[in-house]
Amino acid sequence: MTRINTKFTRATLLAISGWLAMSFSLSSHAQDNELQVGRYQSVMLEPADEQIDLLSHIVEIELPEQINTIGQAISHILDGSGYRLLSPKLAESYRSHLFAMPLPEVQRQLGPLSLRQALQLLGGPAFCLVIEPTYRLMSFELIKTTSDVHACAYP
């Protein structure tokens, strides 16, 4: 019959329990909005800014050659963003004129900039980007006064 040295076993158990207690006490120092994923690493349990404000997402876009108008470019950029254009039936007639304008070659490559800035850039200085957050709709309004120009400056 083999005898086990109980002093060694107790010391080992005490060391292991001490180590476990220390590791649990270290993880308890994490804030309520943190999750410890490793011994020295934790992640925040919060959505990223661009997940809260979808239009703040940073984009870098190269528009394909088949996109020739401002409207096509805006539709392409909005694809997958969670936003959609206000129906042409509900939009002012000047918006259809903006969307039919040819895409300037210099705007074929955009970014890195926020989605909001990219859309405002395509609208140009004569139009203000208008967002309807409840239904995630967007459109453009014609700027009529100089005070409107400052309110719609590129964010």
C-alpha atoms as a PDB file:
ATOM      1  CA  MET A   1       0.000   0.000   0.000  1.00  0.00           C
ATOM      2  CA  THR A   2       1.307   3.415  -0.987  1.00  0.00           C
ATOM      3  CA  ARG A   3       1.242   6.267   1.489  1.00  0.00           C
ATOM      4  CA  ILE A   4       0.687   9.798   0.264  1.00  0.00           C
ATOM      5  CA  ASN A   5       2.413  12.568   2.105  1.00  0.00           C
ATOM      6  CA  THR A   6      -0.610  14.542   3.377  1.00  0.00           C
ATOM      7  CA  LYS A   7       1.467  17.617   4.261  1.00  0.00           C
ATOM      8  CA  PHE A   8       2.518  17.968   0.620  1.00  0.00           C
ATOM      9  CA  THR A   9      -1.035  17.479  -0.584  1.00  0.00           C
ATOM     10  CA  ARG A  10      -2.407  20.058   1.817  1.00  0.00           C
ATOM     11  CA  ALA A  11       0.273  22.565   0.810  1.00  0.00           C
ATOM     12  CA  THR A  12      -0.484  21.975  -2.851  1.00  0.00           C
ATOM     13  CA  LEU A  13      -4.207  22.398  -2.257  1.00  0.00           C
ATOM     14  CA  LEU A  14      -3.610  25.593  -0.308  1.00  0.00           C
ATOM     15  CA  ALA A  15      -1.425  26.961  -3.086  1.00  0.00           C
ATOM     16  CA  ILE A  16      -4.017  26.127  -5.741  1.00  0.00           C
ATOM     17  CA  SER A  17      -6.882  27.590  -3.717  1.00  0.00           C
ATOM     18  CA  GLY A  18      -4.826  30.721  -3.034  1.00  0.00           C
ATOM     19  CA  TRP A  19      -4.083  31.119  -6.723  1.00  0.00           C
ATOM     20  CA  LEU A  20      -7.774  30.653  -7.605  1.00  0.00           C
ATOM     21  CA  ALA A  21      -8.849  33.158  -4.963  1.00  0.00           C
ATOM     22  CA  MET A  22      -6.322  35.669  -6.276  1.00  0.00           C
ATOM     23  CA  SER A  23      -7.457  35.229  -9.879  1.00  0.00           C
ATOM     24  CA  PHE A  24     -11.119  35.652  -8.876  1.00  0.00           C
ATOM     25  CA  SER A  25     -10.293  38.734  -6.855  1.00  0.00           C
ATOM     26  CA  LEU A  26      -8.442  40.207  -9.847  1.00  0.00           C
ATOM     27  CA  SER A  27     -11.424  39.630 -12.112  1.00  0.00           C
ATOM     28  CA  SER A  28     -13.788  41.163  -9.572  1.00  0.00           C
ATOM     29  CA  HIS A  29     -11.968  44.483 -10.014  1.00  0.00           C
ATOM     30  CA  ALA A  30     -13.319  44.697 -13.571  1.00  0.00           C
ATOM     31  CA  GLN A  31     -16.099  47.201 -14.065  1.00  0.00           C
ATOM     32  CA  ASP A  32     -19.683  46.108 -14.664  1.00  0.00           C
ATOM     33  CA  ASN A  33     -19.351  46.880 -18.370  1.00  0.00           C
ATOM     34  CA  GLU A  34     -16.150  44.819 -18.795  1.00  0.00           C
ATOM     35  CA  LEU A  35     -15.671  41.144 -19.458  1.00  0.00           C
ATOM     36  CA  GLN A  36     -12.363  39.535 -18.637  1.00  0.00           C
ATOM     37  CA  VAL A  37     -11.360  37.334 -21.562  1.00  0.00           C
ATOM     38  CA  GLY A  38      -7.852  36.478 -20.448  1.00  0.00           C
ATOM     39  CA  ARG A  39      -5.533  36.862 -17.543  1.00  0.00           C
ATOM     40  CA  TYR A  40      -4.484  40.371 -18.593  1.00  0.00           C
ATOM     41  CA  GLN A  41      -7.131  41.267 -21.130  1.00  0.00           C
ATOM     42  CA  SER A  42     -10.707  42.470 -20.902  1.00  0.00           C
ATOM     43  CA  VAL A  43     -13.234  43.824 -23.393  1.00  0.00           C
ATOM     44  CA  MET A  44     -15.872  46.494 -22.903  1.00  0.00           C
ATOM     45  CA  LEU A  45     -19.465  45.316 -23.019  1.00  0.00           C
ATOM     46  CA  GLU A  46     -20.653  48.334 -24.980  1.00  0.00           C
ATOM     47  CA  PRO A  47     -21.563  48.815 -28.613  1.00  0.00           C
ATOM     48  CA  ALA A  48     -19.079  50.689 -30.772  1.00  0.00           C
ATOM     49  CA  ASP A  49     -19.963  54.285 -31.685  1.00  0.00           C
ATOM     50  CA  GLU A  50     -20.668  53.326 -35.296  1.00  0.00           C
ATOM     51  CA  GLN A  51     -23.117  50.659 -34.095  1.00  0.00           C
ATOM     52  CA  ILE A  52     -25.094  53.330 -32.232  1.00  0.00           C
ATOM     53  CA  ASP A  53     -24.841  56.067 -34.880  1.00  0.00           C
ATOM     54  CA  LEU A  54     -24.826  54.142 -38.152  1.00  0.00           C
ATOM     55  CA  LEU A  55     -23.874  57.209 -40.164  1.00  0.00           C
ATOM     56  CA  SER A  56     -20.660  57.697 -38.172  1.00  0.00           C
ATOM     57  CA  HIS A  57     -19.259  54.454 -39.610  1.00  0.00           C
ATOM     58  CA  ILE A  58     -15.958  55.138 -41.386  1.00  0.00           C
ATOM     59  CA  VAL A  59     -16.038  54.169 -45.049  1.00  0.00           C
ATOM     60  CA  GLU A  60     -13.540  54.069 -47.854  1.00  0.00           C
ATOM     61  CA  ILE A  61     -15.332  53.672 -51.170  1.00  0.00           C
ATOM     62  CA  GLU A  62     -14.246  53.176 -54.743  1.00  0.00           C
ATOM     63  CA  LEU A  63     -17.299  53.450 -56.958  1.00  0.00           C
ATOM     64  CA  PRO A  64     -17.483  51.035 -59.922  1.00  0.00           C
ATOM     65  CA  GLU A  65     -17.288  52.385 -63.474  1.00  0.00           C
ATOM     66  CA  GLN A  66     -20.959  51.546 -64.179  1.00  0.00           C
ATOM     67  CA  ILE A  67     -22.050  54.153 -61.602  1.00  0.00           C
ATOM     68  CA  ASN A  68     -22.439  57.397 -63.529  1.00  0.00           C
ATOM     69  CA  THR A  69     -24.820  59.625 -61.547  1.00  0.00           C
ATOM     70  CA  ILE A  70     -25.009  61.100 -58.054  1.00  0.00           C
ATOM     71  CA  GLY A  71     -28.181  59.079 -57.389  1.00  0.00           C
ATOM     72  CA  GLN A  72     -26.512  55.789 -58.340  1.00  0.00           C
ATOM     73  CA  ALA A  73     -23.533  56.631 -56.132  1.00  0.00           C
ATOM     74  CA  ILE A  74     -25.762  57.441 -53.146  1.00  0.00           C
ATOM     75  CA  SER A  75     -27.743  54.217 -53.611  1.00  0.00           C
ATOM     76  CA  HIS A  76     -24.495  52.241 -53.815  1.00  0.00           C
ATOM     77  CA  ILE A  77     -23.116  53.848 -50.660  1.00  0.00           C
ATOM     78  CA  LEU A  78     -26.348  53.289 -48.708  1.00  0.00           C
ATOM     79  CA  ASP A  79     -26.427  49.586 -49.606  1.00  0.00           C
ATOM     80  CA  GLY A  80     -25.846  47.666 -46.374  1.00  0.00           C
ATOM     81  CA  SER A  81     -25.872  50.805 -44.207  1.00  0.00           C
ATOM     82  CA  GLY A  82     -29.313  50.235 -42.698  1.00  0.00           C
ATOM     83  CA  TYR A  83     -30.581  53.477 -44.252  1.00  0.00           C
ATOM     84  CA  ARG A  84     -32.630  53.964 -47.393  1.00  0.00           C
ATOM     85  CA  LEU A  85     -33.668  56.875 -49.554  1.00  0.00           C
ATOM     86  CA  LEU A  86     -36.966  58.611 -49.024  1.00  0.00           C
ATOM     87  CA  SER A  87     -39.393  57.601 -51.763  1.00  0.00           C
ATOM     88  CA  PRO A  88     -39.201  59.853 -54.845  1.00  0.00           C
ATOM     89  CA  LYS A  89     -42.980  60.389 -54.494  1.00  0.00           C
ATOM     90  CA  LEU A  90     -42.415  62.061 -51.120  1.00  0.00           C
ATOM     91  CA  ALA A  91     -39.219  63.947 -51.990  1.00  0.00           C
ATOM     92  CA  GLU A  92     -39.062  67.427 -53.461  1.00  0.00           C
ATOM     93  CA  SER A  93     -38.567  67.611 -57.246  1.00  0.00           C
ATOM     94  CA  TYR A  94     -35.109  69.201 -56.945  1.00  0.00           C
ATOM     95  CA  ARG A  95     -33.815  65.959 -55.430  1.00  0.00           C
ATOM     96  CA  SER A  96     -34.448  64.117 -58.709  1.00  0.00           C
ATOM     97  CA  HIS A  97     -32.390  66.799 -60.483  1.00  0.00           C
ATOM     98  CA  LEU A  98     -29.513  66.278 -58.017  1.00  0.00           C
ATOM     99  CA  PHE A  99     -29.667  62.503 -58.427  1.00  0.00           C
ATOM    100  CA  ALA A 100     -29.597  62.764 -62.233  1.00  0.00           C
ATOM    101  CA  MET A 101     -26.414  64.875 -62.218  1.00  0.00           C
ATOM    102  CA  PRO A 102     -23.255  63.149 -63.461  1.00  0.00           C
ATOM    103  CA  LEU A 103     -20.862  61.828 -60.833  1.00  0.00           C
ATOM    104  CA  PRO A 104     -17.679  63.915 -60.815  1.00  0.00           C
ATOM    105  CA  GLU A 105     -14.596  61.743 -61.416  1.00  0.00           C
ATOM    106  CA  VAL A 106     -12.917  63.220 -58.342  1.00  0.00           C
ATOM    107  CA  GLN A 107     -15.744  61.737 -56.225  1.00  0.00           C
ATOM    108  CA  ARG A 108     -15.341  58.221 -57.600  1.00  0.00           C
ATOM    109  CA  GLN A 109     -13.022  57.466 -54.663  1.00  0.00           C
ATOM    110  CA  LEU A 110     -14.188  58.617 -51.239  1.00  0.00           C
ATOM    111  CA  GLY A 111     -12.649  58.274 -47.833  1.00  0.00           C
ATOM    112  CA  PRO A 112     -11.697  57.435 -45.348  1.00  0.00           C
ATOM    113  CA  LEU A 113     -14.549  59.508 -43.918  1.00  0.00           C
ATOM    114  CA  SER A 114     -17.831  58.891 -42.121  1.00  0.00           C
ATOM    115  CA  LEU A 115     -20.838  57.665 -44.063  1.00  0.00           C
ATOM    116  CA  ARG A 116     -22.575  60.943 -43.164  1.00  0.00           C
ATOM    117  CA  GLN A 117     -19.688  62.971 -44.630  1.00  0.00           C
ATOM    118  CA  ALA A 118     -19.619  60.850 -47.803  1.00  0.00           C
ATOM    119  CA  LEU A 119     -23.342  61.400 -48.387  1.00  0.00           C
ATOM    120  CA  GLN A 120     -23.107  65.140 -47.695  1.00  0.00           C
ATOM    121  CA  LEU A 121     -20.098  65.367 -50.007  1.00  0.00           C
ATOM    122  CA  LEU A 122     -22.085  63.771 -52.844  1.00  0.00           C
ATOM    123  CA  GLY A 123     -25.005  66.123 -52.185  1.00  0.00           C
ATOM    124  CA  GLY A 124     -22.701  69.083 -52.514  1.00  0.00           C
ATOM    125  CA  PRO A 125     -22.810  72.526 -50.926  1.00  0.00           C
ATOM    126  CA  ALA A 126     -26.263  73.410 -52.278  1.00  0.00           C
ATOM    127  CA  PHE A 127     -27.980  70.525 -50.486  1.00  0.00           C
ATOM    128  CA  CYS A 128     -28.341  69.512 -46.857  1.00  0.00           C
ATOM    129  CA  LEU A 129     -28.441  65.858 -45.843  1.00  0.00           C
ATOM    130  CA  VAL A 130     -31.672  65.163 -43.938  1.00  0.00           C
ATOM    131  CA  ILE A 131     -31.973  62.073 -41.752  1.00  0.00           C
ATOM    132  CA  GLU A 132     -35.187  60.548 -40.406  1.00  0.00           C
ATOM    133  CA  PRO A 133     -33.890  58.183 -37.686  1.00  0.00           C
ATOM    134  CA  THR A 134     -37.183  56.470 -36.788  1.00  0.00           C
ATOM    135  CA  TYR A 135     -37.535  54.780 -40.174  1.00  0.00           C
ATOM    136  CA  ARG A 136     -33.861  55.181 -41.152  1.00  0.00           C
ATOM    137  CA  LEU A 137     -34.699  57.290 -44.159  1.00  0.00           C
ATOM    138  CA  MET A 138     -32.509  59.952 -45.699  1.00  0.00           C
ATOM    139  CA  SER A 139     -32.933  62.622 -48.320  1.00  0.00           C
ATOM    140  CA  PHE A 140     -31.537  65.996 -49.341  1.00  0.00           C
ATOM    141  CA  GLU A 141     -33.051  69.443 -48.972  1.00  0.00           C
ATOM    142  CA  LEU A 142     -32.109  72.449 -51.046  1.00  0.00           C
ATOM    143  CA  ILE A 143     -30.308  75.100 -48.990  1.00  0.00           C
ATOM    144  CA  LYS A 144     -32.207  78.352 -49.404  1.00  0.00           C
ATOM    145  CA  THR A 145     -30.486  80.797 -47.039  1.00  0.00           C
ATOM    146  CA  THR A 146     -26.924  81.470 -45.912  1.00  0.00           C
ATOM    147  CA  SER A 147     -27.791  80.452 -42.338  1.00  0.00           C
ATOM    148  CA  ASP A 148     -28.813  77.027 -43.690  1.00  0.00           C
ATOM    149  CA  VAL A 149     -25.374  76.700 -45.306  1.00  0.00           C
ATOM    150  CA  HIS A 150     -23.672  76.939 -41.905  1.00  0.00           C
ATOM    151  CA  ALA A 151     -26.138  74.488 -40.339  1.00  0.00           C
ATOM    152  CA  CYS A 152     -25.372  71.915 -43.040  1.00  0.00           C
ATOM    153  CA  ALA A 153     -21.598  72.314 -43.058  1.00  0.00           C
ATOM    154  CA  TYR A 154     -19.734  69.079 -43.504  1.00  0.00           C
ATOM    155  CA  PRO A 155     -19.693  67.372 -40.089  1.00  0.00           C
END
